[in-house]
Amino acid sequence: MANVREYIQINPTEKRNKALGVIFPFDGEAVFNSSYTTAEQVKSNLLNVLLTEPGERVFKPNFGVGLRNYLFENSNDLSNLEERINNQINQNIAGIELVNVNLIKEPDSHEIKIAISYRVLANQESDTIQINFSQDSSINNSGASSPNTGMSSGGGASSGGASSGGGY
């Protein structure tokens, strides 16, 4: 006789003692840090999509935005990057609605500032993630890394509360 697997319903707004996924950076005691809320996991998923280069993920050659390709562009026209970000997030992250993608690249600068505002559909909670991505992006031992990532609710001001694993 076949075993029937029981599924449990997880309320995405409730903090639980069961992990939903893995968050960045990979510097926890057992290598991985776990996310316990939908909000934490969505931020981790966004960072994963933004910081992954196409071809880097096994069996998903088109996964990732490929920010490094845009760092040394002579043009400040970032419409292709904005379209790529929108497409990648819509294809790879379920359960969120993009509200706004704001990109800033100063002339003669090798840094891109990205602010993404989104809404979690499960609870209608709005949030913003900000990444300052530069050629010097690397992970340091303190757990904070460049690209600098600020997370905030609503207003869009960077709180510097989280870091990402961007220096591959």
C-alpha atoms as a PDB file:
ATOM      1  CA  MET A   1       0.000   0.000   0.000  1.00  0.00           C
ATOM      2  CA  ALA A   2       1.293   3.429  -0.927  1.00  0.00           C
ATOM      3  CA  ASN A   3       2.147   6.033   1.661  1.00  0.00           C
ATOM      4  CA  VAL A   4       0.072   9.179   1.450  1.00  0.00           C
ATOM      5  CA  ARG A   5       2.025  12.299   2.210  1.00  0.00           C
ATOM      6  CA  GLU A   6       0.385  14.831   4.482  1.00  0.00           C
ATOM      7  CA  TYR A   7       0.716  18.451   3.491  1.00  0.00           C
ATOM      8  CA  ILE A   8       0.479  21.309   5.936  1.00  0.00           C
ATOM      9  CA  GLN A   9      -0.772  24.788   5.185  1.00  0.00           C
ATOM     10  CA  ILE A  10       1.711  27.508   6.160  1.00  0.00           C
ATOM     11  CA  ASN A  11       0.368  30.926   6.991  1.00  0.00           C
ATOM     12  CA  PRO A  12       2.893  33.281   5.307  1.00  0.00           C
ATOM     13  CA  THR A  13       2.318  36.053   7.830  1.00  0.00           C
ATOM     14  CA  GLU A  14       3.013  33.894  10.880  1.00  0.00           C
ATOM     15  CA  LYS A  15       6.516  33.471  12.300  1.00  0.00           C
ATOM     16  CA  ARG A  16       7.036  29.761  12.837  1.00  0.00           C
ATOM     17  CA  ASN A  17       9.691  27.514  14.219  1.00  0.00           C
ATOM     18  CA  LYS A  18       9.933  25.713  10.862  1.00  0.00           C
ATOM     19  CA  ALA A  19      12.197  27.180   8.229  1.00  0.00           C
ATOM     20  CA  LEU A  20      10.754  28.180   4.859  1.00  0.00           C
ATOM     21  CA  GLY A  21      14.054  28.417   3.005  1.00  0.00           C
ATOM     22  CA  VAL A  22      17.644  29.545   2.955  1.00  0.00           C
ATOM     23  CA  ILE A  23      18.780  33.186   3.127  1.00  0.00           C
ATOM     24  CA  PHE A  24      21.966  34.973   2.123  1.00  0.00           C
ATOM     25  CA  PRO A  25      24.797  35.204   2.972  1.00  0.00           C
ATOM     26  CA  PHE A  26      25.865  31.619   3.561  1.00  0.00           C
ATOM     27  CA  ASP A  27      27.708  32.321   6.793  1.00  0.00           C
ATOM     28  CA  GLY A  28      25.600  30.611   9.447  1.00  0.00           C
ATOM     29  CA  GLU A  29      26.860  28.117  11.993  1.00  0.00           C
ATOM     30  CA  ALA A  30      25.976  25.238   9.699  1.00  0.00           C
ATOM     31  CA  VAL A  31      26.767  27.233   6.525  1.00  0.00           C
ATOM     32  CA  PHE A  32      23.130  28.154   5.883  1.00  0.00           C
ATOM     33  CA  ASN A  33      20.902  30.660   7.639  1.00  0.00           C
ATOM     34  CA  SER A  34      17.223  29.810   7.526  1.00  0.00           C
ATOM     35  CA  SER A  35      14.297  32.111   6.845  1.00  0.00           C
ATOM     36  CA  TYR A  36      11.235  31.739   9.015  1.00  0.00           C
ATOM     37  CA  THR A  37       8.938  34.303   7.406  1.00  0.00           C
ATOM     38  CA  THR A  38       7.738  34.918   3.886  1.00  0.00           C
ATOM     39  CA  ALA A  39       9.186  38.445   3.982  1.00  0.00           C
ATOM     40  CA  GLU A  40      12.692  37.115   4.731  1.00  0.00           C
ATOM     41  CA  GLN A  41      12.449  34.499   2.004  1.00  0.00           C
ATOM     42  CA  VAL A  42      11.207  36.954  -0.622  1.00  0.00           C
ATOM     43  CA  LYS A  43      14.191  39.246   0.073  1.00  0.00           C
ATOM     44  CA  SER A  44      16.552  36.302  -0.225  1.00  0.00           C
ATOM     45  CA  ASN A  45      14.942  35.220  -3.495  1.00  0.00           C
ATOM     46  CA  LEU A  46      15.256  38.752  -4.888  1.00  0.00           C
ATOM     47  CA  LEU A  47      18.949  38.887  -3.992  1.00  0.00           C
ATOM     48  CA  ASN A  48      19.472  35.468  -5.552  1.00  0.00           C
ATOM     49  CA  VAL A  49      17.918  36.534  -8.867  1.00  0.00           C
ATOM     50  CA  LEU A  50      19.686  39.912  -8.925  1.00  0.00           C
ATOM     51  CA  LEU A  51      23.168  38.683  -8.028  1.00  0.00           C
ATOM     52  CA  THR A  52      23.259  35.523 -10.140  1.00  0.00           C
ATOM     53  CA  GLU A  53      24.943  35.685 -13.536  1.00  0.00           C
ATOM     54  CA  PRO A  54      23.207  33.906 -16.442  1.00  0.00           C
ATOM     55  CA  GLY A  55      24.840  30.506 -16.920  1.00  0.00           C
ATOM     56  CA  GLU A  56      25.937  30.318 -13.273  1.00  0.00           C
ATOM     57  CA  ARG A  57      23.022  28.173 -12.107  1.00  0.00           C
ATOM     58  CA  VAL A  58      23.131  24.516 -13.124  1.00  0.00           C
ATOM     59  CA  PHE A  59      20.252  23.458 -15.413  1.00  0.00           C
ATOM     60  CA  LYS A  60      18.918  27.036 -15.507  1.00  0.00           C
ATOM     61  CA  PRO A  61      21.185  28.844 -17.990  1.00  0.00           C
ATOM     62  CA  ASN A  62      18.882  31.863 -18.317  1.00  0.00           C
ATOM     63  CA  PHE A  63      18.402  32.372 -14.554  1.00  0.00           C
ATOM     64  CA  GLY A  64      19.764  35.624 -13.153  1.00  0.00           C
ATOM     65  CA  VAL A  65      19.973  39.263 -14.085  1.00  0.00           C
ATOM     66  CA  GLY A  66      23.722  39.484 -14.780  1.00  0.00           C
ATOM     67  CA  LEU A  67      24.471  42.848 -13.160  1.00  0.00           C
ATOM     68  CA  ARG A  68      28.205  42.606 -13.859  1.00  0.00           C
ATOM     69  CA  ASN A  69      27.495  42.884 -17.590  1.00  0.00           C
ATOM     70  CA  TYR A  70      26.004  46.354 -17.048  1.00  0.00           C
ATOM     71  CA  LEU A  71      28.751  47.828 -14.849  1.00  0.00           C
ATOM     72  CA  PHE A  72      31.035  48.890 -17.683  1.00  0.00           C
ATOM     73  CA  GLU A  73      28.425  49.951 -20.221  1.00  0.00           C
ATOM     74  CA  ASN A  74      29.280  53.333 -21.751  1.00  0.00           C
ATOM     75  CA  SER A  75      25.642  54.306 -21.893  1.00  0.00           C
ATOM     76  CA  ASN A  76      23.588  55.411 -18.917  1.00  0.00           C
ATOM     77  CA  ASP A  77      20.456  54.067 -20.620  1.00  0.00           C
ATOM     78  CA  LEU A  78      19.444  51.288 -18.253  1.00  0.00           C
ATOM     79  CA  SER A  79      16.134  50.397 -19.923  1.00  0.00           C
ATOM     80  CA  ASN A  80      17.517  46.972 -20.978  1.00  0.00           C
ATOM     81  CA  LEU A  81      18.581  46.270 -17.392  1.00  0.00           C
ATOM     82  CA  GLU A  82      15.218  47.373 -16.025  1.00  0.00           C
ATOM     83  CA  GLU A  83      13.443  45.088 -18.504  1.00  0.00           C
ATOM     84  CA  ARG A  84      15.766  42.187 -17.584  1.00  0.00           C
ATOM     85  CA  ILE A  85      15.109  42.708 -13.859  1.00  0.00           C
ATOM     86  CA  ASN A  86      11.342  42.819 -14.410  1.00  0.00           C
ATOM     87  CA  ASN A  87      11.396  39.679 -16.582  1.00  0.00           C
ATOM     88  CA  GLN A  88      13.636  37.691 -14.239  1.00  0.00           C
ATOM     89  CA  ILE A  89      11.629  38.547 -11.136  1.00  0.00           C
ATOM     90  CA  ASN A  90       8.298  37.818 -12.824  1.00  0.00           C
ATOM     91  CA  GLN A  91       9.578  34.469 -14.159  1.00  0.00           C
ATOM     92  CA  ASN A  92      11.394  33.251 -11.066  1.00  0.00           C
ATOM     93  CA  ILE A  93       9.745  34.675  -7.959  1.00  0.00           C
ATOM     94  CA  ALA A  94       6.145  33.750  -7.339  1.00  0.00           C
ATOM     95  CA  GLY A  95       3.931  35.525  -4.856  1.00  0.00           C
ATOM     96  CA  ILE A  96       5.106  39.098  -5.280  1.00  0.00           C
ATOM     97  CA  GLU A  97       4.027  42.052  -7.374  1.00  0.00           C
ATOM     98  CA  LEU A  98       6.656  44.537  -8.535  1.00  0.00           C
ATOM     99  CA  VAL A  99       5.653  48.083  -7.694  1.00  0.00           C
ATOM    100  CA  ASN A 100       8.722  49.997  -8.896  1.00  0.00           C
ATOM    101  CA  VAL A 101      12.253  49.390 -10.152  1.00  0.00           C
ATOM    102  CA  ASN A 102      14.556  52.403  -9.818  1.00  0.00           C
ATOM    103  CA  LEU A 103      18.040  52.278 -11.372  1.00  0.00           C
ATOM    104  CA  ILE A 104      20.775  54.896 -11.042  1.00  0.00           C
ATOM    105  CA  LYS A 105      24.144  54.824 -12.773  1.00  0.00           C
ATOM    106  CA  GLU A 106      26.289  57.940 -12.605  1.00  0.00           C
ATOM    107  CA  PRO A 107      28.341  58.839 -15.689  1.00  0.00           C
ATOM    108  CA  ASP A 108      31.889  57.430 -15.559  1.00  0.00           C
ATOM    109  CA  SER A 109      30.962  55.323 -12.563  1.00  0.00           C
ATOM    110  CA  HIS A 110      31.223  51.572 -12.264  1.00  0.00           C
ATOM    111  CA  GLU A 111      28.379  51.319  -9.767  1.00  0.00           C
ATOM    112  CA  ILE A 112      24.682  50.666 -10.235  1.00  0.00           C
ATOM    113  CA  LYS A 113      22.185  51.572  -7.529  1.00  0.00           C
ATOM    114  CA  ILE A 114      19.034  49.482  -7.657  1.00  0.00           C
ATOM    115  CA  ALA A 115      15.903  50.007  -5.555  1.00  0.00           C
ATOM    116  CA  ILE A 116      13.064  47.534  -6.010  1.00  0.00           C
ATOM    117  CA  SER A 117       9.693  48.116  -4.366  1.00  0.00           C
ATOM    118  CA  TYR A 118       7.365  45.145  -4.222  1.00  0.00           C
ATOM    119  CA  ARG A 119       4.265  43.793  -2.533  1.00  0.00           C
ATOM    120  CA  VAL A 120       3.929  40.302  -1.046  1.00  0.00           C
ATOM    121  CA  LEU A 121       0.613  39.017  -2.371  1.00  0.00           C
ATOM    122  CA  ALA A 122      -0.099  36.724   0.584  1.00  0.00           C
ATOM    123  CA  ASN A 123      -0.459  39.588   3.062  1.00  0.00           C
ATOM    124  CA  GLN A 124      -0.275  42.729   0.880  1.00  0.00           C
ATOM    125  CA  GLU A 125       2.833  43.838   2.789  1.00  0.00           C
ATOM    126  CA  SER A 126       4.956  46.337   0.839  1.00  0.00           C
ATOM    127  CA  ASP A 127       8.721  46.491   1.104  1.00  0.00           C
ATOM    128  CA  THR A 128      11.796  47.827  -0.690  1.00  0.00           C
ATOM    129  CA  ILE A 129      15.196  46.294  -1.264  1.00  0.00           C
ATOM    130  CA  GLN A 130      18.192  48.414  -2.288  1.00  0.00           C
ATOM    131  CA  ILE A 131      21.485  47.196  -3.743  1.00  0.00           C
ATOM    132  CA  ASN A 132      24.552  49.267  -4.530  1.00  0.00           C
ATOM    133  CA  PHE A 133      26.430  47.019  -6.959  1.00  0.00           C
ATOM    134  CA  SER A 134      30.005  47.876  -7.951  1.00  0.00           C
ATOM    135  CA  GLN A 135      33.119  46.315  -9.461  1.00  0.00           C
ATOM    136  CA  ASP A 136      34.476  45.871  -5.924  1.00  0.00           C
ATOM    137  CA  SER A 137      31.592  43.607  -4.873  1.00  0.00           C
ATOM    138  CA  SER A 138      32.985  40.950  -2.581  1.00  0.00           C
ATOM    139  CA  ILE A 139      32.098  39.121   0.587  1.00  0.00           C
ATOM    140  CA  ASN A 140      34.014  40.062   3.693  1.00  0.00           C
ATOM    141  CA  ASN A 141      34.279  38.183   6.960  1.00  0.00           C
ATOM    142  CA  SER A 142      32.003  40.451   8.972  1.00  0.00           C
ATOM    143  CA  GLY A 143      28.867  39.180   7.232  1.00  0.00           C
ATOM    144  CA  ALA A 144      28.218  42.543   5.620  1.00  0.00           C
ATOM    145  CA  SER A 145      29.183  42.572   1.995  1.00  0.00           C
ATOM    146  CA  SER A 146      29.267  44.694  -1.063  1.00  0.00           C
ATOM    147  CA  PRO A 147      26.994  45.021  -2.853  1.00  0.00           C
ATOM    148  CA  ASN A 148      25.567  47.031   0.000  1.00  0.00           C
ATOM    149  CA  THR A 149      21.991  46.044   0.591  1.00  0.00           C
ATOM    150  CA  GLY A 150      19.537  48.106   2.548  1.00  0.00           C
ATOM    151  CA  MET A 151      16.082  46.881   3.329  1.00  0.00           C
ATOM    152  CA  SER A 152      13.237  49.038   4.469  1.00  0.00           C
ATOM    153  CA  SER A 153       9.518  49.053   4.652  1.00  0.00           C
ATOM    154  CA  GLY A 154       7.524  51.529   2.638  1.00  0.00           C
ATOM    155  CA  GLY A 155       9.585  54.711   2.527  1.00  0.00           C
ATOM    156  CA  GLY A 156      12.524  53.438   0.547  1.00  0.00           C
ATOM    157  CA  ALA A 157      15.216  54.764   2.869  1.00  0.00           C
ATOM    158  CA  SER A 158      18.043  52.337   3.325  1.00  0.00           C
ATOM    159  CA  SER A 159      18.313  50.891   6.783  1.00  0.00           C
ATOM    160  CA  GLY A 160      21.374  48.756   6.060  1.00  0.00           C
ATOM    161  CA  GLY A 161      19.770  45.869   7.892  1.00  0.00           C
ATOM    162  CA  ALA A 162      20.850  42.982   5.728  1.00  0.00           C
ATOM    163  CA  SER A 163      23.672  41.865   3.550  1.00  0.00           C
ATOM    164  CA  SER A 164      23.950  39.739   0.494  1.00  0.00           C
ATOM    165  CA  GLY A 165      26.287  37.171  -0.931  1.00  0.00           C
ATOM    166  CA  GLY A 166      27.215  38.996  -4.093  1.00  0.00           C
ATOM    167  CA  GLY A 167      30.923  38.423  -4.533  1.00  0.00           C
ATOM    168  CA  TYR A 168      31.066  35.207  -6.508  1.00  0.00           C
END
